[in-house]
Protein backbone atom coordinates (compact mmCIF):
# COMPACT_ATOMS: atom_id res chain seq x y z
CA MET A 1 193.88 -24.01 -78.57
CA ILE A 2 195.84 -26.80 -76.87
CA PRO A 3 193.79 -30.04 -76.82
CA THR A 4 192.84 -31.54 -73.48
CA ARG A 5 195.28 -34.25 -72.38
CA LYS A 6 194.08 -37.08 -70.19
CA PRO A 7 196.24 -39.48 -68.17
CA ARG A 8 196.05 -43.25 -68.35
CA ALA A 9 193.65 -44.85 -65.87
CA LEU A 10 194.79 -46.68 -62.77
CA ARG A 11 194.70 -50.47 -62.86
CA PRO A 12 194.93 -52.98 -60.00
CA GLY A 13 198.52 -53.35 -58.87
CA ASP A 14 199.73 -50.11 -60.47
CA GLY A 15 202.54 -48.20 -58.80
CA ILE A 16 201.72 -44.83 -57.26
CA ARG A 17 204.49 -42.34 -56.50
CA ILE A 18 203.88 -40.49 -53.22
CA LEU A 19 205.29 -36.95 -53.17
CA SER A 20 205.46 -34.15 -50.61
CA LEU A 21 205.27 -31.01 -52.74
CA ALA A 22 204.21 -28.49 -50.11
CA SER A 23 204.49 -28.82 -46.30
CA PRO A 24 206.16 -31.56 -44.22
CA VAL A 25 204.33 -34.78 -43.45
CA GLN A 26 204.28 -36.98 -40.36
CA PHE A 27 205.55 -40.54 -40.78
CA ASP A 28 202.67 -42.26 -38.98
CA HIS A 29 200.03 -40.53 -41.12
CA LEU A 30 202.00 -41.32 -44.28
CA GLN A 31 202.32 -44.98 -43.28
CA LYS A 32 198.59 -45.33 -42.56
CA GLY A 33 197.74 -43.68 -45.85
CA CYS A 34 200.03 -46.02 -47.78
CA GLU A 35 198.47 -49.00 -46.03
CA GLU A 36 195.07 -47.81 -47.22
CA LEU A 37 196.32 -47.55 -50.81
CA VAL A 38 197.56 -51.14 -50.56
CA ARG A 39 194.11 -52.15 -49.32
CA LEU A 40 192.65 -50.48 -52.42
CA GLY A 41 194.88 -52.66 -54.58
CA TYR A 42 197.70 -50.28 -55.51
CA ALA A 43 201.44 -50.22 -54.86
CA PRO A 44 202.55 -46.96 -53.22
CA GLU A 45 206.20 -46.05 -53.73
CA THR A 46 208.04 -43.55 -51.52
CA ASP A 47 211.52 -42.15 -51.25
CA SER A 48 211.69 -41.56 -47.50
CA ASP A 49 214.49 -38.99 -47.76
CA SER A 50 212.33 -36.91 -50.09
CA VAL A 51 208.77 -37.47 -48.94
CA LEU A 52 209.63 -37.00 -45.23
CA ALA A 53 211.99 -34.04 -45.72
CA GLN A 54 211.48 -30.88 -43.69
CA GLN A 55 212.86 -27.39 -44.16
CA GLY A 56 210.89 -24.89 -42.13
CA PHE A 57 207.36 -24.63 -43.54
CA PHE A 58 208.31 -26.84 -46.49
CA ALA A 59 208.89 -30.52 -47.24
CA GLY A 60 212.45 -29.81 -48.31
CA SER A 61 213.84 -27.07 -50.52
CA ALA A 62 212.04 -25.93 -53.65
CA ASP A 63 214.83 -27.46 -55.74
CA THR A 64 214.56 -30.91 -54.16
CA ARG A 65 210.76 -30.91 -54.40
CA ALA A 66 210.93 -29.85 -58.06
CA VAL A 67 213.45 -32.59 -58.84
CA ALA A 68 211.24 -35.17 -57.12
CA LEU A 69 208.27 -34.05 -59.19
CA LYS A 70 210.22 -34.11 -62.46
CA ASN A 71 211.54 -37.58 -61.69
CA ALA A 72 208.05 -38.82 -60.87
CA LEU A 73 206.67 -37.43 -64.12
CA ALA A 74 209.36 -39.25 -66.09
CA GLU A 75 209.54 -42.62 -64.35
CA ASP A 76 207.95 -45.66 -65.97
CA SER A 77 207.47 -47.67 -62.78
CA THR A 78 204.49 -45.63 -61.56
CA ARG A 79 201.16 -44.78 -63.15
CA ALA A 80 200.12 -41.91 -60.88
CA ILE A 81 201.33 -39.24 -58.46
CA PHE A 82 199.46 -38.89 -55.17
CA CYS A 83 200.36 -35.97 -52.91
CA SER A 84 201.06 -36.70 -49.26
CA ARG A 85 199.43 -33.47 -48.06
CA GLY A 86 198.93 -29.82 -48.91
CA GLY A 87 199.99 -26.96 -46.69
CA TYR A 88 202.21 -24.37 -48.32
CA GLY A 89 204.91 -24.15 -50.98
CA SER A 90 203.70 -25.66 -54.26
CA SER A 91 203.89 -22.31 -56.06
CA TYR A 92 207.69 -22.31 -55.67
CA LEU A 93 207.92 -25.25 -58.09
CA LEU A 94 206.14 -23.78 -61.09
CA GLU A 95 208.86 -21.77 -62.83
CA SER A 96 211.31 -24.66 -62.66
CA LEU A 97 209.00 -27.19 -64.32
CA ASN A 98 209.45 -25.72 -67.81
CA GLY A 99 208.81 -28.57 -70.23
CA ALA A 100 208.95 -31.37 -67.66
CA ALA A 101 205.20 -31.91 -67.98
CA ALA A 102 205.14 -31.78 -71.76
CA GLY A 103 205.30 -35.57 -72.07
CA GLU A 104 202.56 -38.11 -71.52
CA PRO A 105 200.37 -36.95 -68.61
CA LYS A 106 200.07 -38.91 -65.39
CA ILE A 107 197.32 -38.90 -62.81
CA LEU A 108 198.02 -36.15 -60.27
CA LEU A 109 195.82 -36.33 -57.16
CA GLY A 110 195.83 -33.66 -54.49
CA ALA A 111 194.04 -30.65 -53.04
CA SER A 112 194.59 -27.47 -51.03
CA ASP A 113 197.99 -25.97 -51.93
CA ILE A 114 198.32 -28.44 -54.83
CA THR A 115 195.78 -26.20 -56.61
CA ALA A 116 198.71 -24.06 -57.78
CA LEU A 117 200.26 -27.00 -59.61
CA GLN A 118 196.94 -28.21 -60.99
CA ILE A 119 196.13 -24.80 -62.45
CA TYR A 120 199.62 -24.52 -63.92
CA LEU A 121 199.32 -27.91 -65.61
CA TRP A 122 195.89 -27.03 -67.00
CA GLN A 123 196.78 -23.58 -68.29
CA THR A 124 200.17 -24.61 -69.69
CA PHE A 125 199.61 -28.16 -70.94
CA ARG A 126 195.82 -28.76 -70.66
CA TRP A 127 196.38 -31.64 -68.27
CA VAL A 128 193.36 -33.20 -66.61
CA THR A 129 194.16 -33.50 -62.89
CA PHE A 130 192.21 -34.66 -59.84
CA TYR A 131 191.09 -32.60 -56.86
CA GLY A 132 190.74 -35.06 -54.04
CA PRO A 133 192.14 -36.89 -51.03
CA MET A 134 195.78 -36.96 -50.00
CA VAL A 135 197.78 -39.80 -48.53
CA ALA A 136 198.64 -38.45 -45.07
CA SER A 137 195.61 -36.26 -44.49
CA ASN A 138 192.69 -38.28 -45.93
CA PHE A 139 193.63 -41.82 -46.97
CA ASP A 140 195.11 -42.29 -43.51
CA ARG A 141 191.68 -41.62 -41.97
CA GLY A 142 189.98 -44.26 -44.10
CA GLU A 143 187.11 -44.75 -46.49
CA GLY A 144 183.93 -42.86 -45.57
CA ALA A 145 185.41 -41.57 -42.30
CA GLU A 146 185.53 -38.03 -40.97
CA HIS A 147 188.36 -36.23 -42.80
CA GLY A 148 188.67 -39.37 -44.89
CA TYR A 149 187.75 -40.00 -48.50
CA ASP A 150 184.80 -41.03 -50.64
CA ARG A 151 185.76 -44.26 -52.39
CA LEU A 152 183.14 -44.27 -55.17
CA SER A 153 184.04 -40.86 -56.57
CA LEU A 154 187.75 -41.68 -56.29
CA VAL A 155 187.47 -44.94 -58.21
CA ARG A 156 185.23 -43.51 -60.93
CA ALA A 157 187.56 -40.56 -61.45
CA LEU A 158 190.79 -42.57 -61.63
CA THR A 159 189.65 -45.72 -63.44
CA GLU A 160 186.75 -44.87 -65.77
CA THR A 161 187.71 -44.70 -69.46
CA ARG A 162 184.40 -45.10 -71.32
CA ASN A 163 181.61 -43.16 -69.69
CA GLY A 164 180.81 -40.23 -67.47
CA TRP A 165 179.16 -40.51 -64.05
CA GLN A 166 177.30 -38.41 -61.55
CA LEU A 167 178.06 -37.15 -58.07
CA ASP A 168 175.70 -36.11 -55.32
CA LEU A 169 177.22 -32.90 -53.96
CA PHE A 170 175.73 -33.17 -50.45
CA GLY A 171 175.43 -29.39 -50.22
CA GLU A 172 172.66 -26.81 -50.54
CA ALA A 173 171.55 -25.21 -53.79
CA LEU A 174 171.52 -21.45 -53.28
CA GLY A 175 171.29 -20.38 -56.92
CA ALA A 176 168.80 -22.64 -58.69
CA GLY A 177 169.29 -23.84 -62.24
CA SER A 178 171.73 -25.86 -64.29
CA GLY A 179 174.83 -25.13 -66.34
CA ARG A 180 177.41 -26.97 -68.42
CA GLY A 181 181.11 -26.24 -68.64
CA VAL A 182 184.62 -27.48 -67.95
CA LEU A 183 185.15 -28.32 -64.29
CA LEU A 184 187.98 -26.17 -62.92
CA GLY A 185 189.12 -24.54 -59.69
CA GLY A 186 190.19 -25.69 -56.25
CA CYS A 187 191.38 -23.76 -53.21
CA LEU A 188 190.08 -20.18 -53.26
CA THR A 189 193.23 -18.39 -52.10
CA LEU A 190 195.40 -20.36 -54.54
CA ILE A 191 193.07 -19.51 -57.43
CA GLU A 192 193.23 -15.86 -56.44
CA SER A 193 197.05 -16.03 -56.32
CA THR A 194 197.21 -16.93 -60.02
CA LEU A 195 195.85 -13.52 -61.03
CA GLY A 196 198.50 -11.62 -62.98
CA THR A 197 200.69 -14.70 -63.56
CA PRO A 198 201.29 -16.39 -66.94
CA TRP A 199 199.13 -19.30 -65.72
CA GLU A 200 196.20 -17.19 -64.47
CA LEU A 201 193.14 -19.45 -64.45
CA ASP A 202 190.85 -18.89 -67.43
CA THR A 203 187.35 -19.42 -66.04
CA ALA A 204 185.33 -18.65 -69.18
CA GLY A 205 182.78 -21.40 -69.71
CA ALA A 206 183.73 -23.18 -66.48
CA ILE A 207 181.90 -24.92 -63.67
CA LEU A 208 184.07 -23.36 -60.99
CA VAL A 209 185.04 -25.11 -57.74
CA LEU A 210 185.85 -22.79 -54.82
CA GLU A 211 186.77 -23.98 -51.33
CA ASP A 212 189.09 -23.08 -48.46
CA ARG A 213 189.45 -23.16 -44.70
CA GLY A 214 190.41 -20.90 -41.80
CA MET A 215 189.31 -17.67 -43.47
CA LYS A 216 187.12 -15.12 -41.72
CA PRO A 217 183.95 -14.27 -43.64
CA TYR A 218 185.37 -10.86 -44.54
CA GLN A 219 188.44 -12.56 -46.03
CA VAL A 220 186.23 -14.83 -48.15
CA ASP A 221 184.32 -11.69 -49.17
CA ARG A 222 187.57 -9.99 -50.17
CA ALA A 223 188.74 -12.96 -52.24
CA LEU A 224 185.39 -13.46 -54.02
CA THR A 225 185.13 -9.74 -54.70
CA HIS A 226 188.65 -9.74 -56.13
CA LEU A 227 187.74 -12.58 -58.50
CA ARG A 228 184.53 -10.82 -59.48
CA GLN A 229 186.32 -7.53 -60.15
CA ALA A 230 188.97 -9.42 -62.16
CA GLY A 231 186.20 -10.72 -64.43
CA LYS A 232 186.56 -14.32 -63.31
CA PHE A 233 182.81 -14.77 -62.82
CA ASP A 234 181.72 -13.05 -66.04
CA GLN A 235 181.39 -16.20 -68.14
CA VAL A 236 181.18 -18.88 -65.46
CA GLU A 237 178.38 -21.41 -65.99
CA GLY A 238 178.06 -22.50 -62.37
CA ILE A 239 179.88 -22.58 -59.02
CA ILE A 240 180.40 -25.33 -56.43
CA LEU A 241 181.42 -24.11 -52.99
CA GLY A 242 182.98 -26.24 -50.26
CA ASP A 243 182.24 -26.45 -46.53
CA PHE A 244 184.60 -23.58 -45.61
CA PRO A 245 185.40 -25.07 -42.17
CA ASP A 246 186.90 -22.93 -39.41
CA CYS A 247 185.60 -19.81 -41.15
CA GLU A 248 183.19 -18.58 -38.52
CA GLY A 249 183.05 -14.90 -37.68
CA PRO A 250 182.21 -13.30 -34.31
CA LEU A 251 178.96 -14.35 -32.65
CA PHE A 252 175.86 -12.99 -34.41
CA SER A 253 177.93 -11.78 -37.37
CA GLU A 254 177.41 -12.95 -40.95
CA GLY A 255 178.92 -16.21 -42.14
CA VAL A 256 180.48 -17.41 -45.37
CA ILE A 257 177.09 -18.48 -46.68
CA ASP A 258 175.85 -14.89 -46.31
CA VAL A 259 178.91 -13.62 -48.16
CA ALA A 260 178.35 -16.16 -50.94
CA LEU A 261 174.73 -15.11 -51.35
CA ARG A 262 175.61 -11.41 -51.48
CA ILE A 263 178.32 -11.80 -54.12
CA LEU A 264 177.16 -14.78 -56.18
CA GLU A 265 173.35 -14.49 -56.19
CA PRO A 266 173.38 -11.39 -58.47
CA LEU A 267 175.29 -13.45 -61.08
CA LYS A 268 172.09 -15.42 -61.79
CA ILE A 269 173.98 -18.69 -62.23
CA PRO A 270 173.50 -22.05 -60.48
CA PHE A 271 175.61 -22.47 -57.37
CA VAL A 272 175.76 -24.96 -54.52
CA PHE A 273 177.20 -24.33 -51.05
CA GLY A 274 178.67 -26.85 -48.61
CA SER A 275 179.94 -29.72 -50.74
CA PRO A 276 182.58 -32.02 -49.14
CA ILE A 277 185.46 -31.04 -51.40
CA GLY A 278 188.99 -30.05 -50.45
CA HIS A 279 189.03 -28.83 -46.87
CA THR A 280 186.08 -30.64 -45.33
CA PRO A 281 185.43 -32.49 -42.08
CA ARG A 282 183.53 -35.13 -44.10
CA ALA A 283 184.74 -37.84 -46.47
CA MET A 284 186.25 -35.92 -49.38
CA LEU A 285 184.89 -36.26 -52.90
CA THR A 286 187.27 -36.60 -55.84
CA LEU A 287 186.63 -34.22 -58.75
CA PRO A 288 188.36 -34.48 -62.14
CA LEU A 289 189.53 -31.01 -63.22
CA GLY A 290 189.53 -30.24 -66.94
CA VAL A 291 186.57 -32.37 -68.08
CA ARG A 292 183.10 -31.32 -69.21
CA ALA A 293 180.46 -31.40 -66.49
CA GLU A 294 176.89 -30.33 -65.79
CA LEU A 295 175.86 -28.77 -62.49
CA THR A 296 172.24 -29.05 -61.39
CA ALA A 297 171.59 -26.75 -58.45
CA VAL A 298 168.50 -28.29 -56.87
CA GLY A 299 168.31 -29.61 -53.32
CA PRO A 300 171.76 -30.87 -52.26
CA GLY A 301 173.13 -30.39 -55.80
CA LEU A 302 174.09 -32.84 -58.51
CA LEU A 303 177.19 -32.89 -60.69
CA ARG A 304 177.24 -34.97 -63.87
CA ILE A 305 180.69 -35.68 -65.26
CA LEU A 306 180.01 -35.84 -69.01
CA GLU A 307 183.15 -37.64 -70.14
CA PRO A 308 185.78 -39.98 -68.68
CA ALA A 309 188.77 -38.27 -67.09
CA CYS A 310 191.23 -41.00 -68.11
CA ILE A 311 192.17 -43.01 -71.17
CA ALA A 312 192.79 -46.74 -71.28
């Protein structure tokens, strides 16, 4: 068993490398997001030719994005990597990483399509990563704002080195109870896409995070059923579901919450629906992936992070 590897915590004034690893980003959103990072006390660093690149659906070719990531992992001038946005294309980078992430881990913060990279780093190197806001799609909106970010959970995740902490999940407990496990997961369709790959997500003993957007309820049903039939829920200790925005079905048809109840309730495990994680119209929480946590599914739900996600 590979031991869990934690990155060094962020300190005031630390450099943060901004990368576009999936889809293209707009300059004005990137600039506003970087200004917010400066307000938080950090020093964002960007290579405009790389971070603003565009090639069809992607922020540059797979080769150029992979090189940018490898360089960011190796450079000494930055303490963390923050993703500019999600979108599509992170999976193209995985085969080319090889041993590039075998060195000392760095903070990697992102969500949505970045799930592919986060799962790869966990399964291959046991890196703790961070599922949370992105520079040009959350930080640019501001602290506590709609589509913005939750500052308290961000700071605790990226700076705490001694103790755990707790998060109110602001959802609805649908499967009552509590469970302990390693916090893992991310975007539902990206988790599903790891099935059959060398970095297929091992969910045994996990508190599993599942969220997405723009899926019809029947598509959520199909994805959850696929994970269930693949055995990915067999040894899960609890599940946290996101808001699933833009996932409404036809009028008077069932919704995602109905699908979740049908598939997850028979598992007899604690689960919470509607937490502001990943794709959410609310201020996004930051969750450390790869650390021990306890989910209490009562009322709006409570998540206790049982250990720091970073080292000093």
